[in-house]
Amino acid sequence: MTAAANPLRGESEIVILGTPRILRPSFSALVAAEEELGPLFALVERAGAGELKLGEMVALFWHCLINREGLTRELVGDAVMELGLAGASKPLRSLLAQILQGA
Protein backbone atom coordinates (compact mmCIF):
# COMPACT_ATOMS: atom_id res chain seq x y z
CA MET A 1 0.00 0.00 0.00
CA THR A 2 1.34 3.40 -1.00
CA ALA A 3 1.01 6.34 1.36
CA ALA A 4 -0.72 9.41 -0.03
CA ALA A 5 0.95 12.80 -0.32
CA ASN A 6 0.28 15.14 2.58
CA PRO A 7 -0.24 18.67 1.24
CA LEU A 8 0.17 20.05 4.76
CA ARG A 9 3.81 18.90 4.57
CA GLY A 10 4.20 20.43 1.13
CA GLU A 11 4.01 17.04 -0.55
CA SER A 12 2.57 16.29 -3.97
CA GLU A 13 2.40 13.20 -6.16
CA ILE A 14 3.57 12.06 -9.54
CA VAL A 15 2.64 8.71 -11.06
CA ILE A 16 5.65 6.74 -12.24
CA LEU A 17 5.19 3.29 -13.79
CA GLY A 18 1.59 3.31 -12.60
CA THR A 19 2.50 3.96 -8.97
CA PRO A 20 1.91 7.28 -7.21
CA ARG A 21 5.22 8.57 -5.84
CA ILE A 22 5.48 11.29 -3.24
CA LEU A 23 7.45 14.46 -3.87
CA ARG A 24 8.56 16.25 -0.71
CA PRO A 25 10.57 19.47 -0.93
CA SER A 26 12.67 18.82 2.16
CA PHE A 27 15.66 21.01 2.96
CA SER A 28 18.13 18.32 1.87
CA ALA A 29 16.21 17.68 -1.36
CA LEU A 30 16.18 21.38 -2.23
CA VAL A 31 19.87 21.78 -1.42
CA ALA A 32 20.66 18.86 -3.75
CA ALA A 33 18.46 20.37 -6.46
CA GLU A 34 20.13 23.75 -6.02
CA GLU A 35 23.59 22.17 -6.31
CA GLU A 36 22.58 20.76 -9.69
CA LEU A 37 20.30 23.48 -11.05
CA GLY A 38 21.65 26.66 -9.55
CA PRO A 39 19.81 29.10 -7.27
CA LEU A 40 16.23 28.06 -6.58
CA PHE A 41 14.93 31.60 -6.82
CA ALA A 42 16.26 31.78 -10.39
CA LEU A 43 14.58 28.43 -11.09
CA VAL A 44 11.26 29.80 -9.85
CA GLU A 45 11.74 32.92 -11.97
CA ARG A 46 12.43 30.82 -15.07
CA ALA A 47 9.33 28.76 -14.37
CA GLY A 48 7.23 31.91 -13.94
CA ALA A 49 8.52 33.25 -17.25
CA GLY A 50 7.76 29.96 -19.03
CA GLU A 51 11.47 29.27 -19.49
CA LEU A 52 11.90 26.22 -17.25
CA LYS A 53 13.54 23.42 -19.19
CA LEU A 54 12.11 19.92 -19.17
CA GLY A 55 15.35 18.54 -17.74
CA GLU A 56 15.18 21.04 -14.89
CA MET A 57 11.66 19.93 -14.02
CA VAL A 58 12.70 16.28 -14.02
CA ALA A 59 15.76 17.07 -11.89
CA LEU A 60 13.63 18.90 -9.32
CA PHE A 61 11.19 15.99 -9.20
CA TRP A 62 14.10 13.53 -8.89
CA HIS A 63 15.61 15.30 -5.91
CA CYS A 64 12.23 15.68 -4.19
CA LEU A 65 11.19 12.02 -4.54
CA ILE A 66 11.10 10.53 -1.06
CA ASN A 67 11.57 7.00 -2.40
CA ARG A 68 13.63 6.42 -5.53
CA GLU A 69 13.82 2.66 -5.11
CA GLY A 70 13.60 0.96 -8.49
CA LEU A 71 13.61 4.27 -10.36
CA THR A 72 15.97 6.07 -12.68
CA ARG A 73 15.88 9.68 -13.69
CA GLU A 74 14.92 8.52 -17.17
CA LEU A 75 11.79 6.87 -15.75
CA VAL A 76 10.89 10.14 -14.05
CA GLY A 77 11.31 11.87 -17.40
CA ASP A 78 9.12 9.24 -19.06
CA ALA A 79 6.44 9.86 -16.40
CA VAL A 80 6.55 13.60 -17.12
CA MET A 81 6.16 12.92 -20.84
CA GLU A 82 3.26 10.57 -20.13
CA LEU A 83 1.54 13.25 -18.04
CA GLY A 84 2.32 15.96 -20.54
CA LEU A 85 3.44 19.39 -19.47
CA ALA A 86 -0.06 20.33 -18.35
CA GLY A 87 -0.33 17.27 -16.10
CA ALA A 88 3.19 17.70 -14.71
CA SER A 89 2.50 21.34 -13.90
CA LYS A 90 0.36 20.45 -10.87
CA PRO A 91 3.15 18.84 -8.82
CA LEU A 92 5.60 21.42 -10.21
CA ARG A 93 3.41 24.31 -9.00
CA SER A 94 3.17 22.68 -5.58
CA LEU A 95 6.96 22.34 -5.29
CA LEU A 96 7.58 25.87 -6.51
CA ALA A 97 5.03 27.25 -4.05
CA GLN A 98 6.83 25.46 -1.22
CA ILE A 99 10.16 26.87 -2.36
CA LEU A 100 8.74 30.41 -2.28
CA GLN A 101 6.39 30.24 0.69
CA GLY A 102 7.76 27.48 2.88
CA ALA A 103 5.59 25.34 5.12
C-alpha atoms as a PDB file:
ATOM      1  CA  MET A   1       0.000   0.000   0.000  1.00  0.00           C
ATOM      2  CA  THR A   2       1.341   3.400  -0.995  1.00  0.00           C
ATOM      3  CA  ALA A   3       1.015   6.342   1.357  1.00  0.00           C
ATOM      4  CA  ALA A   4      -0.722   9.408  -0.030  1.00  0.00           C
ATOM      5  CA  ALA A   5       0.952  12.795  -0.323  1.00  0.00           C
ATOM      6  CA  ASN A   6       0.282  15.139   2.578  1.00  0.00           C
ATOM      7  CA  PRO A   7      -0.236  18.672   1.236  1.00  0.00           C
ATOM      8  CA  LEU A   8       0.173  20.051   4.763  1.00  0.00           C
ATOM      9  CA  ARG A   9       3.806  18.904   4.569  1.00  0.00           C
ATOM     10  CA  GLY A  10       4.200  20.433   1.125  1.00  0.00           C
ATOM     11  CA  GLU A  11       4.010  17.038  -0.553  1.00  0.00           C
ATOM     12  CA  SER A  12       2.575  16.295  -3.967  1.00  0.00           C
ATOM     13  CA  GLU A  13       2.404  13.202  -6.158  1.00  0.00           C
ATOM     14  CA  ILE A  14       3.572  12.061  -9.541  1.00  0.00           C
ATOM     15  CA  VAL A  15       2.635   8.707 -11.055  1.00  0.00           C
ATOM     16  CA  ILE A  16       5.654   6.740 -12.239  1.00  0.00           C
ATOM     17  CA  LEU A  17       5.187   3.294 -13.786  1.00  0.00           C
ATOM     18  CA  GLY A  18       1.593   3.307 -12.605  1.00  0.00           C
ATOM     19  CA  THR A  19       2.501   3.963  -8.969  1.00  0.00           C
ATOM     20  CA  PRO A  20       1.909   7.280  -7.207  1.00  0.00           C
ATOM     21  CA  ARG A  21       5.219   8.574  -5.841  1.00  0.00           C
ATOM     22  CA  ILE A  22       5.483  11.291  -3.236  1.00  0.00           C
ATOM     23  CA  LEU A  23       7.450  14.458  -3.872  1.00  0.00           C
ATOM     24  CA  ARG A  24       8.561  16.248  -0.709  1.00  0.00           C
ATOM     25  CA  PRO A  25      10.567  19.474  -0.928  1.00  0.00           C
ATOM     26  CA  SER A  26      12.673  18.822   2.161  1.00  0.00           C
ATOM     27  CA  PHE A  27      15.664  21.010   2.956  1.00  0.00           C
ATOM     28  CA  SER A  28      18.128  18.324   1.868  1.00  0.00           C
ATOM     29  CA  ALA A  29      16.209  17.676  -1.364  1.00  0.00           C
ATOM     30  CA  LEU A  30      16.185  21.377  -2.231  1.00  0.00           C
ATOM     31  CA  VAL A  31      19.874  21.775  -1.416  1.00  0.00           C
ATOM     32  CA  ALA A  32      20.661  18.859  -3.754  1.00  0.00           C
ATOM     33  CA  ALA A  33      18.457  20.372  -6.464  1.00  0.00           C
ATOM     34  CA  GLU A  34      20.129  23.746  -6.023  1.00  0.00           C
ATOM     35  CA  GLU A  35      23.587  22.166  -6.312  1.00  0.00           C
ATOM     36  CA  GLU A  36      22.582  20.758  -9.686  1.00  0.00           C
ATOM     37  CA  LEU A  37      20.296  23.476 -11.055  1.00  0.00           C
ATOM     38  CA  GLY A  38      21.647  26.660  -9.546  1.00  0.00           C
ATOM     39  CA  PRO A  39      19.807  29.101  -7.275  1.00  0.00           C
ATOM     40  CA  LEU A  40      16.229  28.056  -6.579  1.00  0.00           C
ATOM     41  CA  PHE A  41      14.932  31.603  -6.818  1.00  0.00           C
ATOM     42  CA  ALA A  42      16.257  31.778 -10.390  1.00  0.00           C
ATOM     43  CA  LEU A  43      14.582  28.428 -11.089  1.00  0.00           C
ATOM     44  CA  VAL A  44      11.263  29.804  -9.851  1.00  0.00           C
ATOM     45  CA  GLU A  45      11.737  32.923 -11.972  1.00  0.00           C
ATOM     46  CA  ARG A  46      12.430  30.824 -15.075  1.00  0.00           C
ATOM     47  CA  ALA A  47       9.328  28.759 -14.369  1.00  0.00           C
ATOM     48  CA  GLY A  48       7.225  31.907 -13.944  1.00  0.00           C
ATOM     49  CA  ALA A  49       8.515  33.246 -17.248  1.00  0.00           C
ATOM     50  CA  GLY A  50       7.763  29.960 -19.025  1.00  0.00           C
ATOM     51  CA  GLU A  51      11.470  29.273 -19.488  1.00  0.00           C
ATOM     52  CA  LEU A  52      11.897  26.221 -17.254  1.00  0.00           C
ATOM     53  CA  LYS A  53      13.542  23.418 -19.188  1.00  0.00           C
ATOM     54  CA  LEU A  54      12.108  19.918 -19.169  1.00  0.00           C
ATOM     55  CA  GLY A  55      15.355  18.541 -17.739  1.00  0.00           C
ATOM     56  CA  GLU A  56      15.181  21.044 -14.887  1.00  0.00           C
ATOM     57  CA  MET A  57      11.657  19.929 -14.019  1.00  0.00           C
ATOM     58  CA  VAL A  58      12.704  16.282 -14.023  1.00  0.00           C
ATOM     59  CA  ALA A  59      15.761  17.074 -11.889  1.00  0.00           C
ATOM     60  CA  LEU A  60      13.630  18.903  -9.322  1.00  0.00           C
ATOM     61  CA  PHE A  61      11.188  15.985  -9.197  1.00  0.00           C
ATOM     62  CA  TRP A  62      14.102  13.532  -8.890  1.00  0.00           C
ATOM     63  CA  HIS A  63      15.613  15.302  -5.914  1.00  0.00           C
ATOM     64  CA  CYS A  64      12.235  15.678  -4.187  1.00  0.00           C
ATOM     65  CA  LEU A  65      11.186  12.020  -4.537  1.00  0.00           C
ATOM     66  CA  ILE A  66      11.095  10.534  -1.062  1.00  0.00           C
ATOM     67  CA  ASN A  67      11.569   6.998  -2.402  1.00  0.00           C
ATOM     68  CA  ARG A  68      13.634   6.421  -5.535  1.00  0.00           C
ATOM     69  CA  GLU A  69      13.823   2.657  -5.106  1.00  0.00           C
ATOM     70  CA  GLY A  70      13.597   0.963  -8.492  1.00  0.00           C
ATOM     71  CA  LEU A  71      13.614   4.273 -10.365  1.00  0.00           C
ATOM     72  CA  THR A  72      15.972   6.066 -12.677  1.00  0.00           C
ATOM     73  CA  ARG A  73      15.882   9.676 -13.687  1.00  0.00           C
ATOM     74  CA  GLU A  74      14.925   8.523 -17.173  1.00  0.00           C
ATOM     75  CA  LEU A  75      11.790   6.868 -15.746  1.00  0.00           C
ATOM     76  CA  VAL A  76      10.887  10.143 -14.045  1.00  0.00           C
ATOM     77  CA  GLY A  77      11.306  11.872 -17.404  1.00  0.00           C
ATOM     78  CA  ASP A  78       9.123   9.244 -19.055  1.00  0.00           C
ATOM     79  CA  ALA A  79       6.439   9.865 -16.400  1.00  0.00           C
ATOM     80  CA  VAL A  80       6.549  13.601 -17.122  1.00  0.00           C
ATOM     81  CA  MET A  81       6.158  12.916 -20.843  1.00  0.00           C
ATOM     82  CA  GLU A  82       3.258  10.566 -20.133  1.00  0.00           C
ATOM     83  CA  LEU A  83       1.540  13.246 -18.040  1.00  0.00           C
ATOM     84  CA  GLY A  84       2.325  15.961 -20.541  1.00  0.00           C
ATOM     85  CA  LEU A  85       3.440  19.395 -19.473  1.00  0.00           C
ATOM     86  CA  ALA A  86      -0.062  20.329 -18.348  1.00  0.00           C
ATOM     87  CA  GLY A  87      -0.330  17.265 -16.103  1.00  0.00           C
ATOM     88  CA  ALA A  88       3.188  17.699 -14.711  1.00  0.00           C
ATOM     89  CA  SER A  89       2.497  21.336 -13.904  1.00  0.00           C
ATOM     90  CA  LYS A  90       0.357  20.450 -10.871  1.00  0.00           C
ATOM     91  CA  PRO A  91       3.155  18.838  -8.823  1.00  0.00           C
ATOM     92  CA  LEU A  92       5.596  21.421 -10.206  1.00  0.00           C
ATOM     93  CA  ARG A  93       3.408  24.313  -8.999  1.00  0.00           C
ATOM     94  CA  SER A  94       3.172  22.679  -5.584  1.00  0.00           C
ATOM     95  CA  LEU A  95       6.956  22.336  -5.287  1.00  0.00           C
ATOM     96  CA  LEU A  96       7.578  25.868  -6.515  1.00  0.00           C
ATOM     97  CA  ALA A  97       5.031  27.252  -4.048  1.00  0.00           C
ATOM     98  CA  GLN A  98       6.830  25.464  -1.216  1.00  0.00           C
ATOM     99  CA  ILE A  99      10.159  26.872  -2.357  1.00  0.00           C
ATOM    100  CA  LEU A 100       8.744  30.408  -2.281  1.00  0.00           C
ATOM    101  CA  GLN A 101       6.391  30.237   0.692  1.00  0.00           C
ATOM    102  CA  GLY A 102       7.758  27.477   2.878  1.00  0.00           C
ATOM    103  CA  ALA A 103       5.587  25.338   5.117  1.00  0.00           C
END
